[in-house]
C-alpha atoms as a PDB file:
ATOM      1  CA  MET A   1      -1.570  56.129-111.523  1.00  0.00           C
ATOM      2  CA  PHE A   2       2.192  56.721-111.470  1.00  0.00           C
ATOM      3  CA  VAL A   3       4.004  53.398-111.556  1.00  0.00           C
ATOM      4  CA  PRO A   4       7.807  53.567-112.144  1.00  0.00           C
ATOM      5  CA  THR A   5       8.952  51.891-115.294  1.00  0.00           C
ATOM      6  CA  ALA A   6      10.833  48.636-115.207  1.00  0.00           C
ATOM      7  CA  PRO A   7      13.960  49.027-117.355  1.00  0.00           C
ATOM      8  CA  ALA A   8      17.217  49.578-115.543  1.00  0.00           C
ATOM      9  CA  THR A   9      17.874  52.861-117.320  1.00  0.00           C
ATOM     10  CA  ASN A  10      14.703  54.344-115.798  1.00  0.00           C
ATOM     11  CA  ASP A  11      14.825  52.565-112.482  1.00  0.00           C
ATOM     12  CA  ILE A  12      16.059  55.055-109.821  1.00  0.00           C
ATOM     13  CA  ASN A  13      17.500  52.398-107.628  1.00  0.00           C
ATOM     14  CA  GLN A  14      19.427  50.472-110.383  1.00  0.00           C
ATOM     15  CA  ALA A  15      20.489  53.452-112.378  1.00  0.00           C
ATOM     16  CA  ALA A  16      22.296  55.149-109.428  1.00  0.00           C
ATOM     17  CA  PRO A  17      23.678  52.780-106.719  1.00  0.00           C
ATOM     18  CA  ASN A  18      24.097  55.685-104.321  1.00  0.00           C
ATOM     19  CA  ARG A  19      20.369  56.410-104.238  1.00  0.00           C
ATOM     20  CA  PRO A  20      18.451  55.167-101.280  1.00  0.00           C
ATOM     21  CA  PRO A  21      16.213  52.119-101.800  1.00  0.00           C
ATOM     22  CA  ALA A  22      12.438  52.395-102.343  1.00  0.00           C
ATOM     23  CA  VAL A  23      12.494  56.048-103.135  1.00  0.00           C
ATOM     24  CA  ALA A  24      10.171  55.499-106.056  1.00  0.00           C
ATOM     25  CA  ASP A  25       7.607  54.000-103.573  1.00  0.00           C
ATOM     26  CA  ALA A  26       8.092  56.894-101.255  1.00  0.00           C
ATOM     27  CA  LEU A  27       7.310  59.324-103.964  1.00  0.00           C
ATOM     28  CA  ARG A  28       4.418  57.419-105.381  1.00  0.00           C
ATOM     29  CA  GLU A  29       2.736  56.976-101.878  1.00  0.00           C
ATOM     30  CA  HIS A  30       2.667  60.598-101.063  1.00  0.00           C
ATOM     31  CA  PRO A  31      -0.815  61.953-101.494  1.00  0.00           C
ATOM     32  CA  LEU A  32       0.212  64.698-103.900  1.00  0.00           C
ATOM     33  CA  PHE A  33       1.920  62.283-106.327  1.00  0.00           C
ATOM     34  CA  ARG A  34      -0.156  59.131-105.884  1.00  0.00           C
ATOM     35  CA  GLU A  35      -2.229  59.789-109.049  1.00  0.00           C
ATOM     36  CA  LEU A  36       0.558  61.194-111.288  1.00  0.00           C
ATOM     37  CA  ARG A  37       0.345  60.230-114.945  1.00  0.00           C
ATOM     38  CA  PRO A  38       3.107  57.567-115.443  1.00  0.00           C
ATOM     39  CA  ASP A  39       5.179  59.772-117.867  1.00  0.00           C
ATOM     40  CA  THR A  40       5.067  62.843-115.520  1.00  0.00           C
ATOM     41  CA  GLY A  41       5.869  60.724-112.500  1.00  0.00           C
ATOM     42  CA  GLN A  42       8.831  59.180-114.203  1.00  0.00           C
ATOM     43  CA  ARG A  43      10.316  62.510-115.283  1.00  0.00           C
ATOM     44  CA  LEU A  44       9.941  63.865-111.711  1.00  0.00           C
ATOM     45  CA  LEU A  45      11.497  60.837-110.228  1.00  0.00           C
ATOM     46  CA  GLU A  46      14.503  60.976-112.717  1.00  0.00           C
ATOM     47  CA  ALA A  47      15.025  64.652-111.738  1.00  0.00           C
ATOM     48  CA  ALA A  48      15.022  63.753-107.952  1.00  0.00           C
ATOM     49  CA  ALA A  49      18.227  63.212-105.942  1.00  0.00           C
ATOM     50  CA  PRO A  50      18.963  61.818-102.511  1.00  0.00           C
ATOM     51  CA  LEU A  51      20.235  64.071 -99.716  1.00  0.00           C
ATOM     52  CA  ARG A  52      21.917  62.717 -96.569  1.00  0.00           C
ATOM     53  CA  LEU A  53      22.689  65.139 -93.716  1.00  0.00           C
ATOM     54  CA  ALA A  54      23.943  64.671 -90.102  1.00  0.00           C
ATOM     55  CA  ALA A  55      22.036  66.091 -87.173  1.00  0.00           C
ATOM     56  CA  GLY A  56      22.446  69.824 -87.056  1.00  0.00           C
ATOM     57  CA  GLN A  57      23.384  70.439 -90.654  1.00  0.00           C
ATOM     58  CA  TRP A  58      21.274  72.875 -92.717  1.00  0.00           C
ATOM     59  CA  LEU A  59      19.139  71.914 -95.660  1.00  0.00           C
ATOM     60  CA  PHE A  60      18.838  75.642 -96.603  1.00  0.00           C
ATOM     61  CA  ARG A  61      18.771  78.954 -94.789  1.00  0.00           C
ATOM     62  CA  GLU A  62      16.216  81.785 -94.729  1.00  0.00           C
ATOM     63  CA  GLY A  63      16.741  83.924 -97.968  1.00  0.00           C
ATOM     64  CA  ASP A  64      18.591  81.162 -99.893  1.00  0.00           C
ATOM     65  CA  ALA A  65      17.347  80.579-103.532  1.00  0.00           C
ATOM     66  CA  ALA A  66      14.478  78.079-103.350  1.00  0.00           C
ATOM     67  CA  ARG A  67      15.860  75.506-105.734  1.00  0.00           C
ATOM     68  CA  HIS A  68      14.323  72.318-104.152  1.00  0.00           C
ATOM     69  CA  CYS A  69      11.665  70.990-101.950  1.00  0.00           C
ATOM     70  CA  LEU A  70      12.339  67.707-100.057  1.00  0.00           C
ATOM     71  CA  LEU A  71      10.478  64.560 -99.233  1.00  0.00           C
ATOM     72  CA  VAL A  72      11.661  63.213 -95.960  1.00  0.00           C
ATOM     73  CA  LEU A  73      12.520  59.500 -96.116  1.00  0.00           C
ATOM     74  CA  ALA A  74      14.104  59.088 -92.597  1.00  0.00           C
ATOM     75  CA  GLY A  75      14.987  61.421 -89.735  1.00  0.00           C
ATOM     76  CA  ARG A  76      13.426  64.710 -88.728  1.00  0.00           C
ATOM     77  CA  VAL A  77      13.642  68.339 -90.091  1.00  0.00           C
ATOM     78  CA  GLU A  78      12.917  71.441 -88.107  1.00  0.00           C
ATOM     79  CA  VAL A  79      11.850  74.595 -89.987  1.00  0.00           C
ATOM     80  CA  LEU A  80      12.813  77.670 -88.119  1.00  0.00           C
ATOM     81  CA  ARG A  81      13.362  81.430 -88.241  1.00  0.00           C
ATOM     82  CA  MET A  82      15.611  83.741 -86.148  1.00  0.00           C
ATOM     83  CA  GLY A  83      13.576  86.240 -84.243  1.00  0.00           C
ATOM     84  CA  GLN A  84      14.516  89.953 -83.685  1.00  0.00           C
ATOM     85  CA  ASP A  85      15.507  88.978 -80.161  1.00  0.00           C
ATOM     86  CA  GLY A  86      18.117  86.544 -81.551  1.00  0.00           C
ATOM     87  CA  GLU A  87      16.231  83.443 -80.519  1.00  0.00           C
ATOM     88  CA  GLU A  88      15.509  80.580 -82.874  1.00  0.00           C
ATOM     89  CA  ARG A  89      11.809  79.929 -83.205  1.00  0.00           C
ATOM     90  CA  VAL A  90      10.900  76.445 -84.684  1.00  0.00           C
ATOM     91  CA  TYR A  91       7.754  76.768 -86.590  1.00  0.00           C
ATOM     92  CA  SER A  92       7.272  73.165 -87.883  1.00  0.00           C
ATOM     93  CA  LEU A  93       8.776  69.691 -87.589  1.00  0.00           C
ATOM     94  CA  TYR A  94       8.647  67.249 -90.487  1.00  0.00           C
ATOM     95  CA  GLY A  95       9.307  63.407 -90.394  1.00  0.00           C
ATOM     96  CA  PRO A  96       9.210  60.489 -92.902  1.00  0.00           C
ATOM     97  CA  GLY A  97       6.724  60.839 -95.545  1.00  0.00           C
ATOM     98  CA  GLN A  98       6.335  64.687 -95.296  1.00  0.00           C
ATOM     99  CA  LEU A  99       7.235  67.334 -97.796  1.00  0.00           C
ATOM    100  CA  VAL A 100       9.302  70.312 -96.787  1.00  0.00           C
ATOM    101  CA  ALA A 101       9.231  73.781 -98.607  1.00  0.00           C
ATOM    102  CA  GLU A 102       6.796  72.739-101.311  1.00  0.00           C
ATOM    103  CA  ALA A 103       5.046  76.127-100.994  1.00  0.00           C
ATOM    104  CA  ALA A 104       8.389  77.968-101.607  1.00  0.00           C
ATOM    105  CA  MET A 105       8.500  76.287-105.091  1.00  0.00           C
ATOM    106  CA  PHE A 106       5.727  78.498-106.210  1.00  0.00           C
ATOM    107  CA  MET A 107       6.635  81.806-104.450  1.00  0.00           C
ATOM    108  CA  PRO A 108       7.423  84.550-106.958  1.00  0.00           C
ATOM    109  CA  HIS A 109      10.463  85.907-105.097  1.00  0.00           C
ATOM    110  CA  GLY A 110      12.028  82.411-105.422  1.00  0.00           C
ATOM    111  CA  ARG A 111      13.511  82.238-101.918  1.00  0.00           C
ATOM    112  CA  TYR A 112      13.027  80.194 -98.855  1.00  0.00           C
ATOM    113  CA  PRO A 113      11.104  82.253 -96.225  1.00  0.00           C
ATOM    114  CA  MET A 114      12.445  80.164 -93.391  1.00  0.00           C
ATOM    115  CA  GLY A 115      15.525  77.980 -92.781  1.00  0.00           C
ATOM    116  CA  ALA A 116      15.485  74.146 -92.376  1.00  0.00           C
ATOM    117  CA  ARG A 117      17.932  72.026 -90.423  1.00  0.00           C
ATOM    118  CA  ALA A 118      18.219  68.278 -89.787  1.00  0.00           C
ATOM    119  CA  GLN A 119      17.120  67.611 -86.141  1.00  0.00           C
ATOM    120  CA  ALA A 120      18.406  63.989 -86.502  1.00  0.00           C
ATOM    121  CA  PRO A 121      20.450  62.095 -89.213  1.00  0.00           C
ATOM    122  CA  LEU A 122      18.431  62.743 -92.305  1.00  0.00           C
ATOM    123  CA  LEU A 123      17.670  60.992 -95.540  1.00  0.00           C
ATOM    124  CA  ALA A 124      15.577  62.931 -98.004  1.00  0.00           C
ATOM    125  CA  LEU A 125      14.699  63.156-101.622  1.00  0.00           C
ATOM    126  CA  ARG A 126      15.292  66.556-103.276  1.00  0.00           C
ATOM    127  CA  LEU A 127      12.761  67.511-105.925  1.00  0.00           C
ATOM    128  CA  PRO A 128      13.952  70.344-108.062  1.00  0.00           C
ATOM    129  CA  ARG A 129      11.774  73.444-108.364  1.00  0.00           C
ATOM    130  CA  GLN A 130      11.770  73.432-112.101  1.00  0.00           C
ATOM    131  CA  ALA A 131      10.897  69.700-112.384  1.00  0.00           C
ATOM    132  CA  LEU A 132       7.991  70.157-109.933  1.00  0.00           C
ATOM    133  CA  ARG A 133       6.605  73.200-111.785  1.00  0.00           C
ATOM    134  CA  GLN A 134       6.892  71.350-115.240  1.00  0.00           C
ATOM    135  CA  ALA A 135       5.054  68.458-113.644  1.00  0.00           C
ATOM    136  CA  CYS A 136       2.250  70.710-112.542  1.00  0.00           C
ATOM    137  CA  ASN A 137       2.113  72.180-116.135  1.00  0.00           C
ATOM    138  CA  ALA A 138       2.062  68.653-117.687  1.00  0.00           C
ATOM    139  CA  ASP A 139      -0.493  67.182-115.212  1.00  0.00           C
ATOM    140  CA  PRO A 140      -3.595  69.368-114.361  1.00  0.00           C
ATOM    141  CA  GLY A 141      -4.513  66.867-111.747  1.00  0.00           C
ATOM    142  CA  LEU A 142      -1.264  67.425-109.875  1.00  0.00           C
ATOM    143  CA  ALA A 143      -1.644  71.193-110.208  1.00  0.00           C
ATOM    144  CA  LEU A 144      -5.209  71.035-108.656  1.00  0.00           C
ATOM    145  CA  ARG A 145      -4.003  68.672-105.764  1.00  0.00           C
ATOM    146  CA  MET A 146      -1.155  71.207-105.110  1.00  0.00           C
ATOM    147  CA  LEU A 147      -3.709  74.055-104.905  1.00  0.00           C
ATOM    148  CA  GLU A 148      -5.871  72.071-102.471  1.00  0.00           C
ATOM    149  CA  TRP A 149      -2.787  71.060-100.467  1.00  0.00           C
ATOM    150  CA  LEU A 150      -1.500  74.582-100.105  1.00  0.00           C
ATOM    151  CA  GLY A 151      -5.040  75.830 -99.386  1.00  0.00           C
ATOM    152  CA  GLU A 152      -5.271  73.435 -96.513  1.00  0.00           C
ATOM    153  CA  ARG A 153      -1.881  74.703 -95.161  1.00  0.00           C
ATOM    154  CA  VAL A 154      -3.174  78.277 -95.192  1.00  0.00           C
ATOM    155  CA  TYR A 155      -6.367  77.230 -93.432  1.00  0.00           C
ATOM    156  CA  GLN A 156      -4.248  75.431 -90.674  1.00  0.00           C
ATOM    157  CA  ARG A 157      -2.118  78.433 -90.267  1.00  0.00           C
ATOM    158  CA  THR A 158      -5.017  80.767 -90.010  1.00  0.00           C
ATOM    159  CA  ASN A 159      -6.512  78.547 -87.331  1.00  0.00           C
ATOM    160  CA  GLU A 160      -3.159  78.510 -85.479  1.00  0.00           C
ATOM    161  CA  ILE A 161      -2.940  82.210 -85.394  1.00  0.00           C
ATOM    162  CA  ASP A 162      -6.608  82.548 -84.231  1.00  0.00           C
ATOM    163  CA  TRP A 163      -5.791  79.930 -81.512  1.00  0.00           C
ATOM    164  CA  LEU A 164      -2.662  81.699 -80.357  1.00  0.00           C
ATOM    165  CA  ALA A 165      -4.414  85.057 -80.261  1.00  0.00           C
ATOM    166  CA  GLY A 166      -7.391  83.848 -78.328  1.00  0.00           C
ATOM    167  CA  SER A 167      -6.281  81.086 -76.074  1.00  0.00           C
ATOM    168  CA  SER A 168      -4.490  80.900 -72.571  1.00  0.00           C
ATOM    169  CA  ALA A 169      -1.101  79.487 -72.119  1.00  0.00           C
ATOM    170  CA  ALA A 170      -2.564  76.466 -70.261  1.00  0.00           C
ATOM    171  CA  GLN A 171      -4.997  75.840 -73.306  1.00  0.00           C
ATOM    172  CA  ARG A 172      -2.025  76.006 -75.745  1.00  0.00           C
ATOM    173  CA  LEU A 173       0.201  73.663 -73.687  1.00  0.00           C
ATOM    174  CA  ALA A 174      -2.651  71.129 -73.255  1.00  0.00           C
ATOM    175  CA  ALA A 175      -3.408  71.064 -76.943  1.00  0.00           C
ATOM    176  CA  TYR A 176       0.342  70.748 -77.840  1.00  0.00           C
ATOM    177  CA  LEU A 177       0.846  67.850 -75.432  1.00  0.00           C
ATOM    178  CA  LEU A 178      -2.135  65.969 -76.750  1.00  0.00           C
ATOM    179  CA  SER A 179      -0.897  66.467 -80.404  1.00  0.00           C
ATOM    180  CA  LEU A 180       2.223  64.713 -79.447  1.00  0.00           C
ATOM    181  CA  ARG A 181       0.653  61.428 -78.457  1.00  0.00           C
ATOM    182  CA  ARG A 182       1.656  58.399 -80.538  1.00  0.00           C
ATOM    183  CA  PRO A 183      -0.575  55.413 -81.581  1.00  0.00           C
ATOM    184  CA  GLY A 184      -0.162  52.619 -78.998  1.00  0.00           C
ATOM    185  CA  GLU A 185       1.234  54.959 -76.353  1.00  0.00           C
ATOM    186  CA  PRO A 186      -1.534  57.551 -75.785  1.00  0.00           C
ATOM    187  CA  ARG A 187      -0.181  58.578 -72.402  1.00  0.00           C
ATOM    188  CA  ARG A 188       3.546  59.000 -73.161  1.00  0.00           C
ATOM    189  CA  VAL A 189       4.851  62.076 -74.963  1.00  0.00           C
ATOM    190  CA  ARG A 190       8.343  63.348 -75.766  1.00  0.00           C
ATOM    191  CA  LEU A 191       8.801  67.003 -76.458  1.00  0.00           C
ATOM    192  CA  PRO A 192      10.556  67.238 -79.788  1.00  0.00           C
ATOM    193  CA  LEU A 193      12.147  70.618 -78.859  1.00  0.00           C
ATOM    194  CA  GLN A 194      13.778  72.101 -75.810  1.00  0.00           C
ATOM    195  CA  VAL A 195      11.436  73.716 -73.266  1.00  0.00           C
ATOM    196  CA  ARG A 196      12.403  77.212 -74.295  1.00  0.00           C
ATOM    197  CA  GLN A 197      11.714  76.401 -77.988  1.00  0.00           C
ATOM    198  CA  VAL A 198       8.401  74.867 -77.161  1.00  0.00           C
ATOM    199  CA  ALA A 199       7.622  78.078 -75.199  1.00  0.00           C
ATOM    200  CA  ALA A 200       8.451  80.201 -78.182  1.00  0.00           C
ATOM    201  CA  ARG A 201       6.366  78.071 -80.444  1.00  0.00           C
ATOM    202  CA  LEU A 202       3.312  78.366 -78.130  1.00  0.00           C
ATOM    203  CA  GLY A 203       3.870  82.070 -77.603  1.00  0.00           C
ATOM    204  CA  VAL A 204       4.586  81.989 -73.914  1.00  0.00           C
ATOM    205  CA  ARG A 205       7.435  82.644 -71.639  1.00  0.00           C
ATOM    206  CA  PRO A 206       9.752  79.721 -70.690  1.00  0.00           C
ATOM    207  CA  GLU A 207       9.112  80.352 -66.979  1.00  0.00           C
ATOM    208  CA  THR A 208       5.395  80.247 -67.644  1.00  0.00           C
ATOM    209  CA  LEU A 209       5.738  76.827 -69.385  1.00  0.00           C
ATOM    210  CA  SER A 210       7.846  75.463 -66.648  1.00  0.00           C
ATOM    211  CA  ARG A 211       5.383  76.692 -64.002  1.00  0.00           C
ATOM    212  CA  LEU A 212       2.498  75.028 -65.780  1.00  0.00           C
ATOM    213  CA  LEU A 213       4.366  71.816 -66.031  1.00  0.00           C
ATOM    214  CA  SER A 214       5.189  71.917 -62.378  1.00  0.00           C
ATOM    215  CA  ASP A 215       1.679  72.829 -61.360  1.00  0.00           C
ATOM    216  CA  TRP A 216       0.142  70.019 -63.382  1.00  0.00           C
ATOM    217  CA  GLN A 217       2.615  67.607 -61.816  1.00  0.00           C
ATOM    218  CA  ARG A 218       1.533  68.597 -58.382  1.00  0.00           C
ATOM    219  CA  ALA A 219      -2.101  68.304 -59.254  1.00  0.00           C
ATOM    220  CA  GLY A 220      -1.439  64.816 -60.675  1.00  0.00           C
ATOM    221  CA  HIS A 221      -2.202  65.644 -64.318  1.00  0.00           C
ATOM    222  CA  LEU A 222       1.243  64.853 -65.575  1.00  0.00           C
ATOM    223  CA  ARG A 223       4.467  63.091 -64.534  1.00  0.00           C
ATOM    224  CA  GLY A 224       7.941  63.478 -66.012  1.00  0.00           C
ATOM    225  CA  GLN A 225      10.823  65.866 -66.434  1.00  0.00           C
ATOM    226  CA  GLN A 226      12.724  67.701 -69.120  1.00  0.00           C
ATOM    227  CA  ARG A 227      11.461  66.322 -72.430  1.00  0.00           C
ATOM    228  CA  ASP A 228       9.739  63.052 -71.341  1.00  0.00           C
ATOM    229  CA  TRP A 229       6.213  63.132 -69.914  1.00  0.00           C
ATOM    230  CA  GLU A 230       3.408  60.881 -69.058  1.00  0.00           C
ATOM    231  CA  ILE A 231      -0.212  62.160 -69.218  1.00  0.00           C
ATOM    232  CA  LEU A 232      -1.979  60.934 -66.125  1.00  0.00           C
ATOM    233  CA  ASP A 233      -5.246  62.843 -66.652  1.00  0.00           C
ATOM    234  CA  PRO A 234      -5.941  63.107 -70.423  1.00  0.00           C
ATOM    235  CA  GLU A 235      -9.511  64.286 -69.651  1.00  0.00           C
ATOM    236  CA  TYR A 236      -8.201  67.396 -67.917  1.00  0.00           C
ATOM    237  CA  LEU A 237      -5.982  68.193 -70.844  1.00  0.00           C
ATOM    238  CA  ALA A 238      -8.680  67.471 -73.480  1.00  0.00           C
ATOM    239  CA  ASP A 239     -11.095  69.746 -71.598  1.00  0.00           C
ATOM    240  CA  LEU A 240      -8.492  72.555 -71.747  1.00  0.00           C
ATOM    241  CA  ALA A 241      -7.760  71.925 -75.349  1.00  0.00           C
ATOM    242  CA  SER A 242     -11.366  71.583 -76.533  1.00  0.00           C
ATOM    243  CA  ALA A 243     -11.518  75.221 -77.672  1.00  0.00           C
ATOM    244  CA  SER A 244      -8.962  74.480 -80.452  1.00  0.00           C
ATOM    245  CA  ARG A 245     -11.343  71.968 -82.143  1.00  0.00           C
ATOM    246  CA  ARG A 246     -13.185  73.288 -85.095  1.00  0.00           C
ATOM    247  CA  SER A 247     -16.294  71.838 -86.819  1.00  0.00           C
ATOM    248  CA  PHE A 248     -14.697  71.800 -90.209  1.00  0.00           C
END
């Protein structure tokens, strides 16, 4: 198991005062890095660097050289691409404890396939491409976990494409709203994106999405406005979204 070494010269918090606290714990606690060999983990930690951005600042843009992936410590990152119609389409949102652009570290063209922007004030840990690849070479266990991790991502995206191709707008919206529920507040959800961005992500027209929200309000399934909603009839939404559940 990867445990950071004690001496000050190797301690990420003591060696560089501008680094955020507890970054060693954040790296060690991620499932990919939890079982790193101590020497490999220490080298990866020493190569990492903190990144602080204000809301709206870009981490990288589509086509930039893929030099780092990032572990989010605080804040939120939106990964997006500009469509041919000139509209931004947000494909994923990442919060604390999640990795951004780790797949790009292993793409042969060496470029980011999408852009990433801070949705809120961001604190992240940058992991250099070369350091991550060297860690995989040195630690076969990490390389295997990385393959499993990326394989799961491919599986999830395949299911999403299948779901988008074969589901109705109502089914997609129901599944999306239920996915936003937080522990302790299962009925309250806040849309992390603007309505038009949610519509683009779900593959529906903004007016269709607005009409569904209005219809469900009138029927007593939902209550709210703009980005804040309360689910009044979770069984109705769960029944609509049931087709998105898979047995494995």
